[in-house]
Structure formats: C-alpha cells, structure tokens
Amino acid sequence: MGKNPSIQCKIKECKHHCGSEDYCSLNCILVGTHEAHPTVVECTDCESFEYRS
C-alpha cells in the first residue's frame, strides 16, 4: 500500500503506517474519543488503528 499524502501519522506500530515515511496508507481514517466531553488532544483516538504484529 502506498502513502496517503493527506494523512500524516507517527504511529509505527500501526499496520497502516508507511514504514520509513510518517504517513498512513488508508484512504480515510476515523477519529474518535474516549471521553464524554473531549477538551485536549489526549482525549482523541485514531479508531482506524490496527496493531502491526
């Protein structure tokens, strides 16, 4: 899979990460939250994350 230049990503443990480049290979991602009322960046999550085993 090639990089999507519109989605930058630093999570090398994700199977959608593009290896030597900090980009995602997905066409789109889902960003969600684990908080009832998110107020800071730490409250957000990439729900498209899949662990690279």
PDB file of N, CA and C in Angstrom:
ATOM      1  N   MET A   1       0.829  -1.187   0.000  1.00  0.00           N
ATOM      2  CA  MET A   1       0.000   0.000   0.000  1.00  0.00           C
ATOM      3  C   MET A   1       0.870   1.246   0.000  1.00  0.00           C
ATOM      4  N   GLY A   2       0.462   2.235  -0.731  1.00  0.00           N
ATOM      5  CA  GLY A   2       1.214   3.474  -0.793  1.00  0.00           C
ATOM      6  C   GLY A   2       0.736   4.474   0.237  1.00  0.00           C
ATOM      7  N   LYS A   3       1.510   5.505   0.421  1.00  0.00           N
ATOM      8  CA  LYS A   3       1.153   6.512   1.416  1.00  0.00           C
ATOM      9  C   LYS A   3       0.019   7.399   0.907  1.00  0.00           C
ATOM     10  N   ASN A   4      -0.772   7.849   1.846  1.00  0.00           N
ATOM     11  CA  ASN A   4      -1.792   8.847   1.555  1.00  0.00           C
ATOM     12  C   ASN A   4      -1.198  10.177   2.004  1.00  0.00           C
ATOM     13  N   PRO A   5      -0.831  11.065   1.078  1.00  0.00           N
ATOM     14  CA  PRO A   5      -0.165  12.310   1.458  1.00  0.00           C
ATOM     15  C   PRO A   5      -1.060  13.244   2.267  1.00  0.00           C
ATOM     16  N   SER A   6      -2.341  12.932   2.374  1.00  0.00           N
ATOM     17  CA  SER A   6      -3.268  13.763   3.146  1.00  0.00           C
ATOM     18  C   SER A   6      -3.359  13.348   4.606  1.00  0.00           C
ATOM     19  N   ILE A   7      -2.795  12.157   4.967  1.00  0.00           N
ATOM     20  CA  ILE A   7      -2.883  11.675   6.340  1.00  0.00           C
ATOM     21  C   ILE A   7      -1.484  11.399   6.872  1.00  0.00           C
ATOM     22  N   GLN A   8      -0.974  12.306   7.678  1.00  0.00           N
ATOM     23  CA  GLN A   8       0.316  12.094   8.324  1.00  0.00           C
ATOM     24  C   GLN A   8       0.101  11.264   9.582  1.00  0.00           C
ATOM     25  N   CYS A   9       1.049  10.400   9.910  1.00  0.00           N
ATOM     26  CA  CYS A   9       0.925   9.528  11.074  1.00  0.00           C
ATOM     27  C   CYS A   9       2.309   9.164  11.594  1.00  0.00           C
ATOM     28  N   LYS A  10       2.474   9.184  12.924  1.00  0.00           N
ATOM     29  CA  LYS A  10       3.756   8.843  13.547  1.00  0.00           C
ATOM     30  C   LYS A  10       3.700   7.505  14.273  1.00  0.00           C
ATOM     31  N   ILE A  11       2.611   6.765  14.174  1.00  0.00           N
ATOM     32  CA  ILE A  11       2.423   5.532  14.935  1.00  0.00           C
ATOM     33  C   ILE A  11       2.953   4.341  14.143  1.00  0.00           C
ATOM     34  N   LYS A  12       4.228   4.041  14.321  1.00  0.00           N
ATOM     35  CA  LYS A  12       4.872   2.968  13.560  1.00  0.00           C
ATOM     36  C   LYS A  12       4.339   1.589  13.928  1.00  0.00           C
ATOM     37  N   GLU A  13       3.669   1.454  15.074  1.00  0.00           N
ATOM     38  CA  GLU A  13       3.106   0.175  15.495  1.00  0.00           C
ATOM     39  C   GLU A  13       1.802  -0.168  14.781  1.00  0.00           C
ATOM     40  N   CYS A  14       1.258   0.766  14.013  1.00  0.00           N
ATOM     41  CA  CYS A  14       0.016   0.522  13.270  1.00  0.00           C
ATOM     42  C   CYS A  14       0.319  -0.156  11.940  1.00  0.00           C
ATOM     43  N   LYS A  15      -0.498  -1.115  11.565  1.00  0.00           N
ATOM     44  CA  LYS A  15      -0.239  -1.833  10.311  1.00  0.00           C
ATOM     45  C   LYS A  15      -0.486  -0.970   9.082  1.00  0.00           C
ATOM     46  N   HIS A  16      -1.116   0.191   9.242  1.00  0.00           N
ATOM     47  CA  HIS A  16      -1.379   1.094   8.112  1.00  0.00           C
ATOM     48  C   HIS A  16      -0.285   2.156   7.950  1.00  0.00           C
ATOM     49  N   HIS A  17       0.709   2.176   8.860  1.00  0.00           N
ATOM     50  CA  HIS A  17       1.807   3.139   8.776  1.00  0.00           C
ATOM     51  C   HIS A  17       2.701   2.777   7.593  1.00  0.00           C
ATOM     52  N   CYS A  18       3.230   3.773   6.927  1.00  0.00           N
ATOM     53  CA  CYS A  18       4.014   3.550   5.707  1.00  0.00           C
ATOM     54  C   CYS A  18       5.511   3.356   5.941  1.00  0.00           C
ATOM     55  N   GLY A  19       5.870   2.712   7.028  1.00  0.00           N
ATOM     56  CA  GLY A  19       7.262   2.335   7.246  1.00  0.00           C
ATOM     57  C   GLY A  19       8.218   3.478   7.427  1.00  0.00           C
ATOM     58  N   SER A  20       9.006   3.787   6.416  1.00  0.00           N
ATOM     59  CA  SER A  20      10.044   4.807   6.546  1.00  0.00           C
ATOM     60  C   SER A  20       9.497   6.231   6.438  1.00  0.00           C
ATOM     61  N   GLU A  21       8.242   6.375   6.050  1.00  0.00           N
ATOM     62  CA  GLU A  21       7.624   7.694   5.937  1.00  0.00           C
ATOM     63  C   GLU A  21       6.478   7.796   6.944  1.00  0.00           C
ATOM     64  N   ASP A  22       6.326   8.957   7.575  1.00  0.00           N
ATOM     65  CA  ASP A  22       5.282   9.133   8.582  1.00  0.00           C
ATOM     66  C   ASP A  22       3.945   9.501   7.947  1.00  0.00           C
ATOM     67  N   TYR A  23       3.381   8.514   7.241  1.00  0.00           N
ATOM     68  CA  TYR A  23       2.076   8.669   6.602  1.00  0.00           C
ATOM     69  C   TYR A  23       1.266   7.400   6.800  1.00  0.00           C
ATOM     70  N   CYS A  24      -0.041   7.540   6.627  1.00  0.00           N
ATOM     71  CA  CYS A  24      -0.967   6.408   6.690  1.00  0.00           C
ATOM     72  C   CYS A  24      -1.237   5.928   5.266  1.00  0.00           C
ATOM     73  N   SER A  25      -1.504   4.645   5.113  1.00  0.00           N
ATOM     74  CA  SER A  25      -1.797   4.101   3.784  1.00  0.00           C
ATOM     75  C   SER A  25      -3.300   4.010   3.509  1.00  0.00           C
ATOM     76  N   LEU A  26      -4.134   4.309   4.495  1.00  0.00           N
ATOM     77  CA  LEU A  26      -5.579   4.237   4.288  1.00  0.00           C
ATOM     78  C   LEU A  26      -6.081   5.416   3.459  1.00  0.00           C
ATOM     79  N   ASN A  27      -7.221   5.239   2.806  1.00  0.00           N
ATOM     80  CA  ASN A  27      -7.846   6.336   2.059  1.00  0.00           C
ATOM     81  C   ASN A  27      -8.468   7.358   2.996  1.00  0.00           C
ATOM     82  N   CYS A  28      -8.978   6.892   4.122  1.00  0.00           N
ATOM     83  CA  CYS A  28      -9.534   7.772   5.134  1.00  0.00           C
ATOM     84  C   CYS A  28      -9.398   7.088   6.488  1.00  0.00           C
ATOM     85  N   ILE A  29      -9.475   7.859   7.560  1.00  0.00           N
ATOM     86  CA  ILE A  29      -9.394   7.318   8.913  1.00  0.00           C
ATOM     87  C   ILE A  29     -10.602   7.799   9.710  1.00  0.00           C
ATOM     88  N   LEU A  30     -10.854   7.129  10.821  1.00  0.00           N
ATOM     89  CA  LEU A  30     -11.916   7.536  11.729  1.00  0.00           C
ATOM     90  C   LEU A  30     -11.259   8.035  13.014  1.00  0.00           C
ATOM     91  N   VAL A  31     -11.519   9.275  13.365  1.00  0.00           N
ATOM     92  CA  VAL A  31     -11.007   9.847  14.604  1.00  0.00           C
ATOM     93  C   VAL A  31     -12.155   9.900  15.590  1.00  0.00           C
ATOM     94  N   GLY A  32     -11.914   9.369  16.788  1.00  0.00           N
ATOM     95  CA  GLY A  32     -12.944   9.334  17.811  1.00  0.00           C
ATOM     96  C   GLY A  32     -12.391   9.814  19.131  1.00  0.00           C
ATOM     97  N   THR A  33     -13.176   9.572  20.200  1.00  0.00           N
ATOM     98  CA  THR A  33     -12.767   9.974  21.533  1.00  0.00           C
ATOM     99  C   THR A  33     -13.172   8.918  22.546  1.00  0.00           C
ATOM    100  N   HIS A  34     -12.474   8.903  23.654  1.00  0.00           N
ATOM    101  CA  HIS A  34     -12.805   8.007  24.753  1.00  0.00           C
ATOM    102  C   HIS A  34     -13.349   8.808  25.937  1.00  0.00           C
ATOM    103  N   GLU A  35     -13.657  10.064  25.711  1.00  0.00           N
ATOM    104  CA  GLU A  35     -14.161  10.963  26.748  1.00  0.00           C
ATOM    105  C   GLU A  35     -15.563  11.447  26.395  1.00  0.00           C
ATOM    106  N   ALA A  36     -16.345  11.763  27.419  1.00  0.00           N
ATOM    107  CA  ALA A  36     -17.691  12.301  27.190  1.00  0.00           C
ATOM    108  C   ALA A  36     -17.633  13.714  26.603  1.00  0.00           C
ATOM    109  N   HIS A  37     -16.661  14.503  27.047  1.00  0.00           N
ATOM    110  CA  HIS A  37     -16.510  15.885  26.583  1.00  0.00           C
ATOM    111  C   HIS A  37     -15.029  16.179  26.352  1.00  0.00           C
ATOM    112  N   PRO A  38     -14.478  15.790  25.199  1.00  0.00           N
ATOM    113  CA  PRO A  38     -13.053  15.984  24.949  1.00  0.00           C
ATOM    114  C   PRO A  38     -12.686  17.467  24.914  1.00  0.00           C
ATOM    115  N   THR A  39     -11.584  17.799  25.582  1.00  0.00           N
ATOM    116  CA  THR A  39     -11.130  19.189  25.610  1.00  0.00           C
ATOM    117  C   THR A  39      -9.663  19.351  25.232  1.00  0.00           C
ATOM    118  N   VAL A  40      -8.913  18.251  25.190  1.00  0.00           N
ATOM    119  CA  VAL A  40      -7.495  18.314  24.829  1.00  0.00           C
ATOM    120  C   VAL A  40      -7.169  17.175  23.867  1.00  0.00           C
ATOM    121  N   VAL A  41      -6.065  17.302  23.159  1.00  0.00           N
ATOM    122  CA  VAL A  41      -5.677  16.330  22.138  1.00  0.00           C
ATOM    123  C   VAL A  41      -5.569  14.911  22.699  1.00  0.00           C
ATOM    124  N   GLU A  42      -5.176  14.779  23.959  1.00  0.00           N
ATOM    125  CA  GLU A  42      -5.030  13.451  24.572  1.00  0.00           C
ATOM    126  C   GLU A  42      -6.362  12.706  24.692  1.00  0.00           C
ATOM    127  N   CYS A  43      -7.457  13.388  24.492  1.00  0.00           N
ATOM    128  CA  CYS A  43      -8.782  12.764  24.567  1.00  0.00           C
ATOM    129  C   CYS A  43      -9.195  12.127  23.239  1.00  0.00           C
ATOM    130  N   THR A  44      -8.412  12.331  22.189  1.00  0.00           N
ATOM    131  CA  THR A  44      -8.787  11.834  20.867  1.00  0.00           C
ATOM    132  C   THR A  44      -8.028  10.565  20.504  1.00  0.00           C
ATOM    133  N   ASP A  45      -8.614   9.758  19.626  1.00  0.00           N
ATOM    134  CA  ASP A  45      -8.040   8.472  19.226  1.00  0.00           C
ATOM    135  C   ASP A  45      -8.231   8.256  17.727  1.00  0.00           C
ATOM    136  N   CYS A  46      -7.258   7.592  17.114  1.00  0.00           N
ATOM    137  CA  CYS A  46      -7.443   7.117  15.744  1.00  0.00           C
ATOM    138  C   CYS A  46      -8.112   5.756  15.849  1.00  0.00           C
ATOM    139  N   GLU A  47      -9.377   5.687  15.505  1.00  0.00           N
ATOM    140  CA  GLU A  47     -10.119   4.435  15.609  1.00  0.00           C
ATOM    141  C   GLU A  47      -9.868   3.501  14.431  1.00  0.00           C
ATOM    142  N   SER A  48      -9.020   3.912  13.496  1.00  0.00           N
ATOM    143  CA  SER A  48      -8.620   3.062  12.382  1.00  0.00           C
ATOM    144  C   SER A  48      -7.351   2.277  12.715  1.00  0.00           C
ATOM    145  N   PHE A  49      -6.773   2.523  13.884  1.00  0.00           N
ATOM    146  CA  PHE A  49      -5.539   1.864  14.298  1.00  0.00           C
ATOM    147  C   PHE A  49      -5.720   0.340  14.359  1.00  0.00           C
ATOM    148  N   GLU A  50      -4.752  -0.363  13.802  1.00  0.00           N
ATOM    149  CA  GLU A  50      -4.659  -1.813  13.914  1.00  0.00           C
ATOM    150  C   GLU A  50      -3.204  -2.145  14.222  1.00  0.00           C
ATOM    151  N   TYR A  51      -3.004  -2.911  15.273  1.00  0.00           N
ATOM    152  CA  TYR A  51      -1.637  -3.257  15.700  1.00  0.00           C
ATOM    153  C   TYR A  51      -0.925  -4.076  14.635  1.00  0.00           C
ATOM    154  N   ARG A  52       0.300  -3.656  14.349  1.00  0.00           N
ATOM    155  CA  ARG A  52       1.159  -4.399  13.400  1.00  0.00           C
ATOM    156  C   ARG A  52       1.824  -5.519  14.165  1.00  0.00           C
ATOM    157  N   SER A  53       1.431  -6.751  13.900  1.00  0.00           N
ATOM    158  CA  SER A  53       2.020  -7.871  14.645  1.00  0.00           C
ATOM    159  C   SER A  53       3.232  -8.430  13.945  1.00  0.00           C
TER     160      SER A  53
END
